Amino acid sequence: MNCQNCDAPVAVSADRCEACGAKLLNRRRVFGAPRREDFNLTSEEPFELDERTESEEWRFSKEIEGPVFLAKRAEPAPAPRYGGFVRRAIALIIDCFVVMLLAGVMALMAYVGYKVGLAAHQRSIGGSTLLPLATLLTAAASFLAMTYFVLFHGTGGKTIGKWFLGLRVVDAEKQPIGYGRACLRWIASAVFAPVLLGFLWVLWSREKRAWHDYLAGTWVIVDR
């Protein structure tokens, strides 16, 4: 420390300059409090954060409070049950009985109408007049049977016989087969009808399919 008057060095605790006797104006008084050191971060001093980093603060807790809703695992669809030979045979017998009953009613009505028409011309049913009636009834019965099976199989896959036995005709996606495939199935079954092996193939087929099922791409399953 220097004197402000003569610039002579003086002690820090002195009140006056010993050289010129002037009173010291810039005298510093030092108290017992320690000096406050400024905080300066150097490259040698490591800078450490808290033990829990920012990423850990934002990390979700493993324990979730409140109810936890878990998605129900989808169960695999059960394997379809295929209609066996006996069940399909009984359903076919019922369907044939229904078709024959409808065909009998239709034949009776046609016979009465045909007879009345011949009587109006002073003719009766005989050898020459019976053949046209038989041909007409055969064609009508065939058309009736085709309409019966195509309509029921194409709509919901169930005829009356299959409904009683709990059977249904479906495609590969287990969906209704439609009228086009139902018509193809009927034609194939009519063609293979003289060959009983076509229907008997159900006994050896793993999926209980007849020949007309293979041709039309259909399956007969148990729908109960």
Protein backbone atom coordinates (compact mmCIF):
# COMPACT_ATOMS: atom_id res chain seq x y z
CA MET A 1 0.00 0.00 0.00
CA ASN A 2 1.33 3.53 -0.89
CA CYS A 3 0.59 7.00 0.46
CA GLN A 4 -1.74 9.09 -1.68
CA ASN A 5 0.34 12.24 -1.01
CA CYS A 6 3.98 11.21 -1.46
CA ASP A 7 3.56 7.77 -2.84
CA ALA A 8 5.73 6.33 -0.09
CA PRO A 9 5.13 2.77 0.99
CA VAL A 10 3.17 2.50 4.22
CA ALA A 11 1.91 -0.36 6.32
CA VAL A 12 -1.59 -1.52 5.84
CA SER A 13 -2.49 -0.97 9.49
CA ALA A 14 -0.93 2.59 9.68
CA ASP A 15 -3.17 5.69 10.00
CA ARG A 16 -0.61 8.27 8.77
CA CYS A 17 2.30 8.21 6.35
CA GLU A 18 5.67 8.07 8.19
CA ALA A 19 7.39 10.04 5.38
CA CYS A 20 5.09 13.07 5.01
CA GLY A 21 2.71 12.65 7.94
CA ALA A 22 -0.41 12.82 5.74
CA LYS A 23 -3.48 10.96 6.86
CA LEU A 24 -4.07 7.92 4.78
CA LEU A 25 -7.37 8.05 2.87
CA ASN A 26 -7.25 4.77 0.98
CA ARG A 27 -6.45 2.63 3.98
CA ARG A 28 -8.01 -0.81 3.90
CA ARG A 29 -9.42 -2.44 6.97
CA VAL A 30 -9.12 -6.25 6.98
CA PHE A 31 -11.61 -8.11 9.09
CA GLY A 32 -11.47 -11.67 10.20
CA ALA A 33 -13.95 -12.92 7.56
CA PRO A 34 -12.26 -15.07 4.93
CA ARG A 35 -12.08 -13.85 1.35
CA ARG A 36 -14.74 -15.09 -0.98
CA GLU A 37 -13.22 -16.91 -3.83
CA ASP A 38 -14.82 -16.62 -7.25
CA PHE A 39 -16.03 -19.80 -8.78
CA ASN A 40 -14.00 -20.55 -11.89
CA LEU A 41 -14.20 -23.87 -13.63
CA THR A 42 -10.95 -24.98 -15.15
CA SER A 43 -10.27 -27.78 -17.57
CA GLU A 44 -8.55 -29.81 -14.84
CA GLU A 45 -11.62 -29.83 -12.59
CA PRO A 46 -14.20 -32.47 -13.62
CA PHE A 47 -17.75 -31.33 -14.05
CA GLU A 48 -20.05 -33.93 -12.50
CA LEU A 49 -23.81 -33.96 -12.62
CA ASP A 50 -26.07 -35.55 -10.13
CA GLU A 51 -26.04 -39.34 -9.99
CA ARG A 52 -29.44 -39.43 -11.65
CA THR A 53 -29.08 -38.12 -15.18
CA GLU A 54 -31.71 -36.36 -17.20
CA SER A 55 -32.53 -39.50 -19.15
CA GLU A 56 -33.08 -41.37 -15.92
CA GLU A 57 -35.42 -38.66 -14.69
CA TRP A 58 -37.62 -39.12 -17.73
CA ARG A 59 -37.48 -42.90 -17.61
CA PHE A 60 -40.83 -44.50 -16.82
CA SER A 61 -41.13 -46.50 -13.71
CA LYS A 62 -41.41 -50.25 -14.05
CA GLU A 63 -44.32 -50.25 -11.67
CA ILE A 64 -47.48 -48.84 -13.25
CA GLU A 65 -50.10 -47.66 -10.86
CA GLY A 66 -53.74 -48.36 -11.56
CA PRO A 67 -55.41 -51.23 -13.43
CA VAL A 68 -53.54 -52.74 -16.34
CA PHE A 69 -55.65 -53.93 -19.26
CA LEU A 70 -54.05 -56.73 -21.27
CA ALA A 71 -55.23 -57.55 -24.78
CA LYS A 72 -56.97 -60.89 -24.93
CA ARG A 73 -55.02 -63.32 -27.03
CA ALA A 74 -56.97 -64.43 -30.05
CA GLU A 75 -57.73 -68.10 -29.91
CA PRO A 76 -57.30 -70.12 -33.10
CA ALA A 77 -60.48 -71.05 -34.90
CA PRO A 78 -61.54 -74.63 -34.25
CA ALA A 79 -61.04 -77.11 -37.05
CA PRO A 80 -64.23 -77.78 -39.03
CA ARG A 81 -66.06 -81.07 -38.68
CA TYR A 82 -66.81 -82.64 -42.03
CA GLY A 83 -70.07 -84.41 -42.73
CA GLY A 84 -69.63 -88.18 -42.87
CA PHE A 85 -71.05 -90.65 -45.32
CA VAL A 86 -74.00 -91.82 -43.20
CA ARG A 87 -75.13 -88.30 -42.29
CA ARG A 88 -74.85 -87.10 -45.87
CA ALA A 89 -76.69 -90.17 -47.16
CA ILE A 90 -79.60 -89.59 -44.78
CA ALA A 91 -79.76 -85.93 -45.78
CA LEU A 92 -79.81 -86.93 -49.45
CA ILE A 93 -82.64 -89.40 -48.86
CA ILE A 94 -84.69 -86.66 -47.17
CA ASP A 95 -84.00 -84.28 -50.05
CA CYS A 96 -84.97 -86.90 -52.63
CA PHE A 97 -88.20 -87.52 -50.74
CA VAL A 98 -88.99 -83.80 -50.74
CA VAL A 99 -88.24 -83.50 -54.47
CA MET A 100 -90.36 -86.56 -55.24
CA LEU A 101 -93.22 -85.16 -53.18
CA LEU A 102 -93.08 -81.84 -55.06
CA ALA A 103 -92.73 -83.66 -58.37
CA GLY A 104 -95.77 -85.85 -57.52
CA VAL A 105 -97.91 -82.80 -56.81
CA MET A 106 -96.69 -81.20 -60.05
CA ALA A 107 -97.35 -84.43 -62.01
CA LEU A 108 -100.85 -84.71 -60.62
CA MET A 109 -101.68 -81.16 -61.59
CA ALA A 110 -100.15 -81.66 -65.04
CA TYR A 111 -102.07 -84.89 -65.53
CA VAL A 112 -105.37 -83.29 -64.64
CA GLY A 113 -104.71 -80.35 -66.89
CA TYR A 114 -103.54 -82.55 -69.75
CA LYS A 115 -106.59 -84.80 -69.43
CA VAL A 116 -108.96 -81.86 -69.43
CA GLY A 117 -107.25 -80.51 -72.52
CA LEU A 118 -107.58 -83.80 -74.35
CA ALA A 119 -111.23 -84.14 -73.34
CA ALA A 120 -111.95 -80.79 -74.89
CA HIS A 121 -110.79 -82.27 -78.19
CA GLN A 122 -112.73 -85.53 -77.66
CA ARG A 123 -109.53 -87.44 -76.95
CA SER A 124 -108.35 -89.52 -74.01
CA ILE A 125 -104.99 -90.43 -72.55
CA GLY A 126 -103.66 -93.45 -74.38
CA GLY A 127 -100.53 -94.80 -76.00
CA SER A 128 -100.04 -91.97 -78.45
CA THR A 129 -100.93 -89.21 -76.03
CA LEU A 130 -99.10 -90.57 -72.97
CA LEU A 131 -95.57 -90.20 -74.38
CA PRO A 132 -95.65 -86.38 -74.61
CA LEU A 133 -96.96 -86.18 -71.07
CA ALA A 134 -94.23 -88.48 -69.76
CA THR A 135 -91.54 -86.52 -71.59
CA LEU A 136 -92.86 -83.24 -70.22
CA LEU A 137 -93.07 -84.57 -66.66
CA THR A 138 -89.52 -85.98 -66.85
CA ALA A 139 -88.10 -82.65 -67.98
CA ALA A 140 -90.14 -80.77 -65.38
CA ALA A 141 -89.02 -83.10 -62.59
CA SER A 142 -85.36 -82.71 -63.59
CA PHE A 143 -85.72 -78.92 -63.65
CA LEU A 144 -87.47 -79.02 -60.28
CA ALA A 145 -84.65 -81.07 -58.72
CA MET A 146 -81.99 -78.78 -60.15
CA THR A 147 -83.82 -75.69 -58.91
CA TYR A 148 -84.25 -77.22 -55.46
CA PHE A 149 -80.57 -78.05 -54.91
CA VAL A 150 -79.11 -74.98 -56.65
CA LEU A 151 -81.41 -72.58 -54.84
CA PHE A 152 -80.86 -74.00 -51.36
CA HIS A 153 -77.13 -74.66 -51.76
CA GLY A 154 -76.48 -71.27 -53.37
CA THR A 155 -78.42 -69.29 -50.77
CA GLY A 156 -77.28 -70.68 -47.44
CA GLY A 157 -75.67 -74.04 -48.22
CA LYS A 158 -78.50 -76.00 -46.60
CA THR A 159 -81.25 -78.06 -48.18
CA ILE A 160 -84.09 -79.38 -46.07
CA GLY A 161 -82.27 -82.66 -45.53
CA LYS A 162 -79.01 -80.92 -44.61
CA TRP A 163 -80.90 -78.65 -42.25
CA PHE A 164 -82.32 -81.67 -40.39
CA LEU A 165 -78.90 -83.33 -40.18
CA GLY A 166 -76.97 -80.16 -39.31
CA LEU A 167 -74.92 -79.99 -42.51
CA ARG A 168 -73.90 -77.08 -44.71
CA VAL A 169 -72.13 -76.79 -48.07
CA VAL A 170 -69.33 -74.18 -48.05
CA ASP A 171 -66.35 -73.11 -50.12
CA ALA A 172 -62.68 -73.04 -49.10
CA GLU A 173 -63.28 -69.91 -46.98
CA LYS A 174 -66.23 -71.54 -45.19
CA GLN A 175 -68.57 -69.12 -46.97
CA PRO A 176 -71.72 -69.73 -49.07
CA ILE A 177 -70.86 -71.13 -52.49
CA GLY A 178 -73.23 -68.98 -54.58
CA TYR A 179 -75.56 -70.03 -57.37
CA GLY A 180 -72.89 -70.51 -60.02
CA ARG A 181 -70.87 -73.00 -58.02
CA ALA A 182 -74.07 -74.63 -56.77
CA CYS A 183 -75.15 -75.18 -60.39
CA LEU A 184 -71.75 -76.69 -61.24
CA ARG A 185 -72.01 -78.96 -58.21
CA TRP A 186 -75.46 -80.15 -59.29
CA ILE A 187 -74.34 -80.89 -62.86
CA ALA A 188 -71.32 -82.83 -61.58
CA SER A 189 -73.46 -84.84 -59.17
CA ALA A 190 -75.94 -85.65 -61.96
CA VAL A 191 -73.12 -86.79 -64.25
CA PHE A 192 -71.50 -88.94 -61.54
CA ALA A 193 -74.83 -90.30 -60.27
CA PRO A 194 -74.69 -93.48 -62.43
CA VAL A 195 -71.20 -94.09 -61.05
CA LEU A 196 -71.90 -94.72 -57.39
CA LEU A 197 -68.18 -94.50 -56.69
CA GLY A 198 -68.45 -90.69 -56.96
CA PHE A 199 -70.52 -90.50 -53.78
CA LEU A 200 -68.89 -93.51 -52.12
CA TRP A 201 -65.58 -91.62 -52.29
CA VAL A 202 -66.72 -89.86 -49.12
CA LEU A 203 -65.75 -93.04 -47.24
CA TRP A 204 -62.07 -92.72 -48.24
CA SER A 205 -61.68 -88.97 -48.43
CA ARG A 206 -59.98 -87.38 -45.41
CA GLU A 207 -62.25 -84.33 -45.73
CA LYS A 208 -65.35 -86.44 -46.58
CA ARG A 209 -65.63 -85.05 -50.11
CA ALA A 210 -67.39 -86.67 -53.05
CA TRP A 211 -66.29 -86.30 -56.66
CA HIS A 212 -68.70 -83.43 -57.31
CA ASP A 213 -67.24 -81.66 -54.26
CA TYR A 214 -63.75 -81.85 -55.74
CA LEU A 215 -64.97 -80.60 -59.10
CA ALA A 216 -66.97 -77.67 -57.67
CA GLY A 217 -64.48 -76.84 -54.90
CA THR A 218 -66.95 -77.37 -52.06
CA TRP A 219 -66.97 -78.99 -48.61
CA VAL A 220 -69.81 -80.35 -46.49
CA ILE A 221 -69.32 -79.44 -42.83
CA VAL A 222 -71.26 -80.02 -39.63
CA ASP A 223 -72.95 -76.74 -38.76
CA ARG A 224 -73.98 -77.47 -35.16
